[in-house]
Amino acid sequence: MKTRELNDEISLNKNFRIDGFCKIVRGNTGLKKDELLDAGDYVALQYGKTYKVDVVDETFNFFVNEEYFKESQVVNQGDTILISTSETIEDLGHSCFYDRKDLGLLGGEQILLKPKSNSINGKYLYYFSKFFKTELQKYATGLKVFRFNIDDLKRISFHIPPLPEQTAIANYLDQKTTTIDKKTELLNQKIENYKKLRKAIINKAVTKGLDNKVELKESEIDWIGKIPKHWEVKRFKEFAQTIKGKNLEFYETQVENSLPNLSLEYLRNDSVVFETYVKADDKNLIANENDLIIIWDGAGVGEILYGKKGVISSTTAKLKFSNIINAQFFSFLRFNVEYRLKNIPTGMGIPHLNPNELKNFMCPIPPIKEQSQIAEYLDQKTATIDKMVENLQTQITTLQHLRKVLINDAVTGKIKVV
């Protein structure tokens, strides 16, 4: 449709399908993360890099050279990029605005919206994509990975205001969202500062204790440094043992005497619903919320997590402590332990925890009474910090909701901008 014809149609207040005013391009350039450069001929719009980005501007520094060039995959300033595949339904249809003068190349798992004429303001189109994202999600297919296709996108139609009004709406939203984004960034910085403070408080307490005047001695362990003179340094095997999970028969539905299979994904994420059940005759394989579980195999090797009610999987192990260790004290010490264990896995393909490294891992151990005091102190301190972080995250959620409502109301005419 020519510019004059499109302008005439817009003036009639008609509804338009997206493909009526946009060229829709499916991304098919094979851009791999390990092939991206710090400088190059074209901006590399690789799926993993655009997934959470709202604007691709001069701060987006991922490039590829001429050999990746495809005319059909060129992205110009003013274009909008949609994420067409996602592991979460909430992120499906996420869009980002291309705001650079140099050319970009579209990667896979993305769809490009390219205005067909100068009757469409690119920034207005970008903001409208935030509105129709919810509509796109209605067409999602898949169970663990969600996606939509171009035909689904073409089903969406909406009213387009005249170009001057589009521009006014885009400018209004630029101003309002910038203000919200600055507030959000400030809150995120506060959260990061609280997290650093939390980490520092824990590290000091589990390696130096609570008495600032206590006499110290060399631990002769690099990562520990000096410890209180009355503390000991013990190998992990002197105060704990591991109970390794086993390969057990899976059930797709819950049967008598079965419990959830404690997969890594289920342990890490409270929102994940377990999909498989197992039976365990060996009661040692059953965990609960007070147990600590270490990842034995895979990408998370060395990570130590709180358990849930269920049966430990073959890629994990449950920690069992002797009476010389307070489990809650170790739950705070574990942050130091897992950081170092993650850096010494074995295996050429799938990484595995080195059992000898774990058994001989040296840890600072105060007297059992002092362990309890440290654990109680850290429970109180971390609870206070966690509450502050939770409050800040609530503020961020409120701002993000306000941002969404503001965009939706502006692009649909509920807010009169002009």
Protein backbone atom coordinates (compact mmCIF):
# COMPACT_ATOMS: atom_id res chain seq x y z
CA MET A 1 0.00 0.00 0.00
CA LYS A 2 1.41 3.39 -1.03
CA THR A 3 1.95 6.15 1.53
CA ARG A 4 -0.89 8.33 0.20
CA GLU A 5 -3.29 5.38 0.15
CA LEU A 6 -2.32 4.39 3.68
CA ASN A 7 -2.76 7.97 4.89
CA ASP A 8 -6.22 8.04 3.31
CA GLU A 9 -7.14 4.76 4.98
CA ILE A 10 -5.89 5.95 8.38
CA SER A 11 -7.95 9.13 8.07
CA LEU A 12 -11.08 6.94 7.80
CA ASN A 13 -10.42 5.54 11.32
CA LYS A 14 -10.33 1.97 10.04
CA ASN A 15 -8.82 -1.01 11.80
CA PHE A 16 -5.70 -2.51 10.23
CA ARG A 17 -4.10 -5.90 10.35
CA ILE A 18 -0.42 -5.68 11.21
CA ASP A 19 0.67 -6.96 7.82
CA GLY A 20 -1.30 -4.11 6.26
CA PHE A 21 1.19 -1.50 7.42
CA CYS A 22 4.24 -3.60 8.41
CA LYS A 23 6.58 -5.89 6.61
CA ILE A 24 6.91 -9.00 8.79
CA VAL A 25 10.24 -10.85 8.66
CA ARG A 26 11.13 -14.13 10.33
CA GLY A 27 14.66 -14.23 11.74
CA ASN A 28 16.85 -16.97 10.30
CA THR A 29 20.43 -15.76 10.67
CA GLY A 30 22.37 -18.34 12.67
CA LEU A 31 24.00 -16.13 15.28
CA LYS A 32 25.70 -18.11 18.05
CA LYS A 33 26.79 -16.55 21.33
CA ASP A 34 30.38 -17.71 21.00
CA GLU A 35 30.65 -16.10 17.54
CA LEU A 36 29.69 -12.58 18.62
CA LEU A 37 32.36 -9.87 18.47
CA ASP A 38 33.01 -6.68 20.43
CA ALA A 39 33.26 -4.79 17.11
CA GLY A 40 32.26 -5.68 13.56
CA ASP A 41 30.35 -4.78 10.40
CA TYR A 42 26.80 -5.35 11.70
CA VAL A 43 25.00 -5.26 15.03
CA ALA A 44 24.24 -8.88 15.98
CA LEU A 45 20.66 -9.18 17.20
CA GLN A 46 21.13 -12.61 18.72
CA TYR A 47 18.12 -14.03 20.59
CA GLY A 48 19.90 -14.43 23.92
CA LYS A 49 21.02 -10.78 23.86
CA THR A 50 17.69 -9.17 22.89
CA TYR A 51 15.55 -11.36 25.14
CA LYS A 52 15.35 -8.85 28.01
CA VAL A 53 16.37 -5.64 26.22
CA ASP A 54 13.78 -2.91 25.55
CA VAL A 55 15.93 -0.70 23.32
CA VAL A 56 18.91 -1.63 21.15
CA ASP A 57 21.03 1.52 21.22
CA GLU A 58 24.73 2.42 21.30
CA THR A 59 25.20 0.51 24.56
CA PHE A 60 24.35 -2.77 22.81
CA ASN A 61 27.80 -3.98 21.75
CA PHE A 62 27.50 -7.33 19.97
CA PHE A 63 28.60 -7.60 16.36
CA VAL A 64 29.28 -9.93 13.44
CA ASN A 65 31.12 -9.41 10.17
CA GLU A 66 30.15 -9.50 6.49
CA GLU A 67 29.92 -13.29 6.17
CA TYR A 68 26.62 -13.27 8.11
CA PHE A 69 24.97 -10.65 5.91
CA LYS A 70 21.56 -11.44 4.43
CA GLU A 71 19.57 -8.68 2.75
CA SER A 72 16.29 -10.08 4.09
CA GLN A 73 17.56 -9.96 7.69
CA VAL A 74 18.66 -6.31 7.81
CA VAL A 75 17.28 -4.28 10.71
CA ASN A 76 17.04 -0.49 10.39
CA GLN A 77 16.55 2.30 12.88
CA GLY A 78 12.86 2.44 13.81
CA ASP A 79 12.19 -1.29 13.43
CA THR A 80 10.72 -3.44 16.22
CA ILE A 81 11.94 -6.94 17.12
CA LEU A 82 9.61 -9.52 18.70
CA ILE A 83 10.74 -12.58 20.65
CA SER A 84 8.79 -15.50 19.12
CA THR A 85 10.05 -18.29 21.43
CA SER A 86 10.30 -18.32 25.21
CA GLU A 87 10.62 -20.70 28.14
CA THR A 88 8.02 -18.61 30.00
CA ILE A 89 4.66 -17.49 28.68
CA GLU A 90 5.19 -14.07 30.32
CA ASP A 91 8.20 -13.28 28.12
CA LEU A 92 6.70 -14.54 24.86
CA GLY A 93 6.22 -11.62 22.47
CA HIS A 94 8.70 -9.37 24.30
CA SER A 95 9.66 -6.52 21.98
CA CYS A 96 12.64 -4.22 21.62
CA PHE A 97 13.11 -1.07 19.55
CA TYR A 98 16.08 -0.73 17.21
CA ASP A 99 17.44 2.78 17.83
CA ARG A 100 20.80 2.77 16.01
CA LYS A 101 21.86 4.30 12.69
CA ASP A 102 24.12 1.37 11.77
CA LEU A 103 22.55 -1.79 10.40
CA GLY A 104 21.61 -4.81 12.47
CA LEU A 105 21.14 -8.45 11.47
CA LEU A 106 18.18 -10.40 12.85
CA GLY A 107 18.90 -13.69 14.61
CA GLY A 108 16.64 -16.73 14.89
CA GLU A 109 13.62 -17.11 17.22
CA GLN A 110 12.66 -13.49 16.50
CA ILE A 111 10.27 -11.66 14.19
CA LEU A 112 10.91 -8.22 12.74
CA LEU A 113 8.23 -5.54 12.28
CA LYS A 114 9.29 -3.04 9.62
CA PRO A 115 6.94 -0.09 8.90
CA LYS A 116 5.96 -0.10 5.20
CA SER A 117 5.76 3.67 4.88
CA ASN A 118 6.42 6.95 6.66
CA SER A 119 2.75 7.00 7.64
CA ILE A 120 3.69 4.79 10.59
CA ASN A 121 5.82 6.09 13.45
CA GLY A 122 8.24 3.30 14.35
CA LYS A 123 8.33 4.19 18.03
CA TYR A 124 4.53 4.21 18.21
CA LEU A 125 4.52 0.74 16.63
CA TYR A 126 7.03 -0.42 19.25
CA TYR A 127 4.84 0.82 22.08
CA PHE A 128 1.78 -0.78 20.50
CA SER A 129 3.65 -4.09 20.38
CA LYS A 130 3.78 -3.93 24.19
CA PHE A 131 -0.01 -3.78 24.14
CA PHE A 132 -0.67 -6.65 21.71
CA LYS A 133 1.88 -8.91 23.43
CA THR A 134 -0.96 -10.23 25.63
CA GLU A 135 -3.01 -11.01 22.53
CA LEU A 136 -0.09 -12.92 21.00
CA GLN A 137 0.24 -15.05 24.10
CA LYS A 138 -3.27 -16.40 23.49
CA TYR A 139 -1.90 -18.20 20.43
CA ALA A 140 1.04 -19.75 22.27
CA THR A 141 1.82 -23.40 21.60
CA GLY A 142 4.18 -25.71 23.48
CA LEU A 143 4.57 -27.04 27.02
CA LYS A 144 8.13 -26.30 28.16
CA VAL A 145 8.97 -23.88 25.33
CA PHE A 146 6.27 -21.51 24.11
CA ARG A 147 6.08 -19.98 20.65
CA PHE A 148 3.84 -18.16 18.21
CA ASN A 149 4.14 -17.91 14.43
CA ILE A 150 3.70 -15.21 11.81
CA ASP A 151 0.16 -16.32 10.96
CA ASP A 152 -0.81 -15.70 14.59
CA LEU A 153 0.71 -12.24 14.39
CA LYS A 154 -1.27 -11.45 11.24
CA ARG A 155 -4.54 -12.12 13.07
CA ILE A 156 -4.06 -9.01 15.20
CA SER A 157 -5.72 -5.81 14.00
CA PHE A 158 -6.15 -2.41 15.60
CA HIS A 159 -6.98 1.23 14.97
CA ILE A 160 -4.10 3.49 13.92
CA PRO A 161 -4.32 7.20 14.73
CA PRO A 162 -3.02 9.81 12.27
CA LEU A 163 0.76 10.22 12.13
CA PRO A 164 0.90 13.46 14.21
CA GLU A 165 -1.03 11.70 16.98
CA GLN A 166 1.22 8.62 16.74
CA THR A 167 4.25 10.88 17.16
CA ALA A 168 2.70 12.72 20.11
CA ILE A 169 1.86 9.42 21.84
CA ALA A 170 5.38 8.07 21.24
CA ASN A 171 6.96 11.26 22.62
CA TYR A 172 4.66 11.22 25.65
CA LEU A 173 5.51 7.58 26.40
CA ASP A 174 9.23 8.20 25.89
CA GLN A 175 9.10 10.84 28.60
CA LYS A 176 6.93 8.88 31.03
CA THR A 177 8.68 5.51 30.64
CA THR A 178 12.12 7.13 30.96
CA THR A 179 11.07 8.55 34.33
CA ILE A 180 9.74 5.16 35.46
CA ASP A 181 12.84 3.34 34.18
CA LYS A 182 15.16 5.69 36.08
CA LYS A 183 13.24 5.04 39.30
CA THR A 184 13.37 1.30 38.62
CA GLU A 185 17.11 1.42 37.97
CA LEU A 186 17.67 3.25 41.26
CA LEU A 187 15.64 0.63 43.14
CA ASN A 188 17.59 -2.18 41.46
CA GLN A 189 20.85 -0.53 42.52
CA LYS A 190 19.59 -0.43 46.10
CA ILE A 191 18.73 -4.13 45.89
CA GLU A 192 22.22 -4.95 44.64
CA ASN A 193 23.75 -2.94 47.49
CA TYR A 194 21.64 -4.81 50.04
CA LYS A 195 22.67 -8.14 48.48
CA LYS A 196 26.34 -7.17 48.75
CA LEU A 197 25.81 -6.12 52.37
CA ARG A 198 24.08 -9.44 53.09
CA LYS A 199 26.96 -11.37 51.58
CA ALA A 200 29.56 -9.36 53.52
CA ILE A 201 27.75 -9.83 56.84
CA ILE A 202 27.51 -13.59 56.30
CA ASN A 203 31.13 -13.94 55.19
CA LYS A 204 32.46 -12.03 58.19
CA ALA A 205 30.33 -13.95 60.70
CA VAL A 206 31.20 -17.46 59.41
CA THR A 207 34.94 -16.78 59.13
CA LYS A 208 35.63 -14.25 61.93
CA GLY A 209 32.74 -14.71 64.36
CA LEU A 210 30.76 -12.00 66.16
CA ASP A 211 33.42 -10.67 68.55
CA ASN A 212 35.42 -7.93 66.84
CA LYS A 213 38.05 -8.00 69.62
CA VAL A 214 38.73 -11.74 69.52
CA GLU A 215 42.35 -12.84 68.99
CA LEU A 216 42.92 -14.27 65.51
CA LYS A 217 45.28 -16.89 64.10
CA GLU A 218 46.29 -17.98 60.62
CA SER A 219 44.02 -20.71 59.27
CA GLU A 220 46.62 -21.63 56.61
CA ILE A 221 43.74 -21.84 54.12
CA ASP A 222 43.88 -19.14 51.42
CA TRP A 223 40.17 -18.44 51.09
CA ILE A 224 39.60 -18.33 54.85
CA GLY A 225 42.55 -16.21 55.97
CA LYS A 226 42.66 -15.53 59.71
CA ILE A 227 40.11 -17.08 62.08
CA PRO A 228 39.46 -16.74 65.83
CA LYS A 229 42.20 -18.46 67.83
CA HIS A 230 39.80 -20.90 69.52
CA TRP A 231 38.24 -22.07 66.22
CA GLU A 232 39.29 -25.19 64.32
CA VAL A 233 39.72 -25.96 60.64
CA LYS A 234 38.16 -29.29 59.68
CA ARG A 235 37.72 -31.29 56.51
CA PHE A 236 34.14 -31.66 55.28
CA LYS A 237 34.28 -35.44 55.85
CA GLU A 238 34.98 -34.85 59.56
CA PHE A 239 31.57 -33.31 60.19
CA ALA A 240 29.32 -34.36 57.29
CA GLN A 241 28.58 -37.12 54.82
CA THR A 242 26.71 -37.24 51.54
CA ILE A 243 23.81 -39.51 50.63
CA LYS A 244 23.81 -39.82 46.84
CA GLY A 245 20.53 -40.03 44.94
CA LYS A 246 19.69 -43.04 42.76
CA ASN A 247 18.04 -43.72 39.42
CA LEU A 248 14.47 -44.67 40.34
CA GLU A 249 11.39 -45.44 38.29
CA PHE A 250 9.41 -42.34 37.35
CA TYR A 251 5.61 -42.03 37.50
CA GLU A 252 3.79 -39.37 35.49
CA THR A 253 1.01 -39.20 38.10
CA GLN A 254 1.12 -39.63 41.85
CA VAL A 255 0.72 -43.23 42.99
CA GLU A 256 0.59 -44.74 46.46
CA ASN A 257 3.68 -43.99 48.59
CA SER A 258 5.25 -41.84 45.86
CA LEU A 259 6.82 -38.42 46.37
CA PRO A 260 7.96 -35.64 44.01
CA ASN A 261 11.25 -36.20 42.22
CA LEU A 262 13.51 -33.37 43.43
CA SER A 263 14.91 -32.16 40.13
CA LEU A 264 17.28 -29.20 40.07
CA GLU A 265 14.64 -27.04 38.39
CA TYR A 266 12.07 -27.90 41.07
CA LEU A 267 14.52 -27.21 43.91
CA ARG A 268 15.57 -23.85 42.50
CA ASN A 269 12.20 -22.44 41.59
CA ASP A 270 9.12 -22.32 43.80
CA SER A 271 6.91 -21.64 40.78
CA VAL A 272 7.89 -24.90 39.05
CA VAL A 273 5.29 -27.64 39.37
CA PHE A 274 6.85 -31.08 39.68
CA GLU A 275 5.95 -33.40 36.82
CA THR A 276 7.30 -36.76 37.99
CA TYR A 277 7.01 -38.90 41.10
CA VAL A 278 9.16 -41.70 42.47
CA LYS A 279 9.02 -44.33 45.22
CA ALA A 280 11.96 -44.75 47.58
CA ASP A 281 12.28 -47.80 49.83
CA ASP A 282 15.46 -46.26 51.27
CA LYS A 283 14.25 -43.55 53.67
CA ASN A 284 17.66 -41.86 53.48
CA LEU A 285 16.75 -40.72 49.96
CA ILE A 286 13.76 -38.75 51.24
CA ALA A 287 14.37 -35.06 51.89
CA ASN A 288 12.38 -32.27 53.52
CA GLU A 289 12.52 -28.49 53.77
CA ASN A 290 15.25 -28.49 56.43
CA ASP A 291 17.72 -30.61 54.46
CA LEU A 292 20.57 -29.24 52.38
CA ILE A 293 21.08 -30.80 48.96
CA ILE A 294 24.20 -30.49 46.82
CA ILE A 295 24.16 -30.69 43.03
CA TRP A 296 26.43 -33.58 42.00
CA ASP A 297 26.17 -33.53 38.21
CA GLY A 298 25.35 -31.00 35.52
CA ALA A 299 25.60 -27.26 34.98
CA GLY A 300 24.85 -26.41 38.62
CA VAL A 301 27.50 -28.75 40.05
CA GLY A 302 28.59 -27.72 43.56
CA GLU A 303 25.51 -25.60 44.25
CA ILE A 304 23.93 -26.27 47.67
CA LEU A 305 20.17 -25.74 48.00
CA TYR A 306 17.50 -26.13 50.63
CA GLY A 307 15.43 -29.24 50.05
CA LYS A 308 11.72 -29.79 49.61
CA LYS A 309 9.55 -32.73 50.56
CA GLY A 310 10.45 -35.41 48.04
CA VAL A 311 13.07 -37.89 46.86
CA ILE A 312 16.56 -36.72 45.86
CA SER A 313 17.41 -37.37 42.22
CA SER A 314 20.43 -39.22 40.85
CA THR A 315 22.20 -35.92 40.07
CA THR A 316 22.06 -34.68 43.66
CA ALA A 317 23.10 -35.72 47.17
CA LYS A 318 21.67 -34.96 50.60
CA LEU A 319 24.01 -33.66 53.30
CA LYS A 320 23.92 -35.32 56.71
CA PHE A 321 25.74 -33.59 59.57
CA SER A 322 27.38 -34.94 62.73
CA ASN A 323 26.70 -33.49 66.18
CA ILE A 324 29.71 -31.15 65.98
CA ILE A 325 28.04 -28.98 63.36
CA ASN A 326 24.94 -26.79 63.48
CA ALA A 327 23.12 -27.31 60.18
CA GLN A 328 21.87 -23.72 60.14
CA PHE A 329 25.43 -22.44 60.64
CA PHE A 330 26.56 -24.53 57.66
CA SER A 331 23.65 -23.20 55.60
CA PHE A 332 25.36 -19.79 55.83
CA LEU A 333 28.88 -21.18 55.42
CA ARG A 334 27.72 -23.00 52.27
CA PHE A 335 27.89 -19.81 50.18
CA ASN A 336 31.67 -19.84 50.58
CA VAL A 337 31.84 -23.60 50.04
CA GLU A 338 29.74 -23.79 46.87
CA TYR A 339 31.52 -20.83 45.26
CA ARG A 340 34.78 -22.78 45.36
CA LEU A 341 33.30 -26.19 44.55
CA LYS A 342 31.76 -24.79 41.37
CA ASN A 343 35.23 -23.92 40.11
CA ILE A 344 36.72 -27.41 40.53
CA PRO A 345 34.36 -29.84 38.72
CA THR A 346 35.56 -32.92 36.85
CA GLY A 347 34.43 -34.39 33.52
CA MET A 348 34.97 -33.43 29.89
CA GLY A 349 31.28 -33.28 28.92
CA ILE A 350 28.75 -33.09 31.72
CA PRO A 351 30.56 -31.65 34.78
CA HIS A 352 30.61 -33.76 37.95
CA LEU A 353 31.44 -32.92 41.54
CA ASN A 354 34.84 -34.24 42.56
CA PRO A 355 34.03 -36.30 45.70
CA ASN A 356 37.60 -36.13 47.00
CA GLU A 357 37.61 -32.34 46.71
CA LEU A 358 34.38 -32.21 48.72
CA LYS A 359 35.53 -34.68 51.39
CA ASN A 360 38.79 -32.82 51.93
CA PHE A 361 37.37 -29.32 51.66
CA MET A 362 38.62 -27.28 54.63
CA CYS A 363 36.07 -25.28 56.63
CA PRO A 364 36.34 -22.96 59.66
CA ILE A 365 34.47 -24.54 62.58
CA PRO A 366 33.71 -22.65 65.82
CA PRO A 367 32.50 -24.43 68.98
CA ILE A 368 28.94 -25.75 68.60
CA LYS A 369 27.47 -23.15 70.99
CA GLU A 370 29.07 -20.33 69.01
CA GLN A 371 27.79 -21.85 65.77
CA SER A 372 24.25 -21.57 67.15
CA GLN A 373 24.84 -17.95 68.18
CA ILE A 374 26.20 -17.07 64.73
CA ALA A 375 23.29 -18.83 63.03
CA GLU A 376 20.75 -16.98 65.17
CA TYR A 377 22.49 -13.64 64.53
CA LEU A 378 22.56 -14.24 60.76
CA ASP A 379 18.93 -15.39 60.73
CA GLN A 380 17.93 -12.02 62.19
CA LYS A 381 20.25 -9.92 60.03
CA THR A 382 19.40 -11.64 56.75
CA ALA A 383 15.67 -11.60 57.53
CA THR A 384 15.84 -7.81 57.98
CA ILE A 385 17.76 -7.35 54.73
CA ASP A 386 15.49 -9.77 52.86
CA LYS A 387 12.46 -7.80 54.03
CA MET A 388 14.01 -4.58 52.71
CA VAL A 389 14.77 -6.25 49.37
CA GLU A 390 11.24 -7.63 49.20
CA ASN A 391 9.85 -4.14 49.78
CA LEU A 392 12.03 -2.72 47.00
CA GLN A 393 10.98 -5.51 44.64
CA THR A 394 7.34 -4.74 45.41
CA GLN A 395 7.98 -1.11 44.46
CA ILE A 396 9.57 -2.26 41.19
CA THR A 397 6.59 -4.51 40.45
CA THR A 398 4.25 -1.58 41.06
CA LEU A 399 6.28 0.65 38.73
CA GLN A 400 6.35 -2.02 36.01
CA HIS A 401 2.58 -2.41 36.28
CA LEU A 402 2.18 1.36 36.05
CA ARG A 403 4.43 1.38 32.97
CA LYS A 404 2.36 -1.32 31.29
CA VAL A 405 -0.96 0.37 32.04
CA LEU A 406 0.41 3.73 30.88
CA ILE A 407 1.51 2.29 27.53
CA ASN A 408 -1.74 0.37 27.02
CA ASP A 409 -3.90 3.40 27.82
CA ALA A 410 -1.88 5.77 25.64
CA VAL A 411 -1.78 3.61 22.49
CA THR A 412 -5.48 2.74 22.77
CA GLY A 413 -6.57 6.35 23.26
CA LYS A 414 -7.71 6.06 26.88
CA ILE A 415 -5.26 8.83 27.76
CA LYS A 416 -5.71 11.98 25.67
CA VAL A 417 -2.19 13.03 24.71
CA VAL A 418 -3.10 15.61 22.03
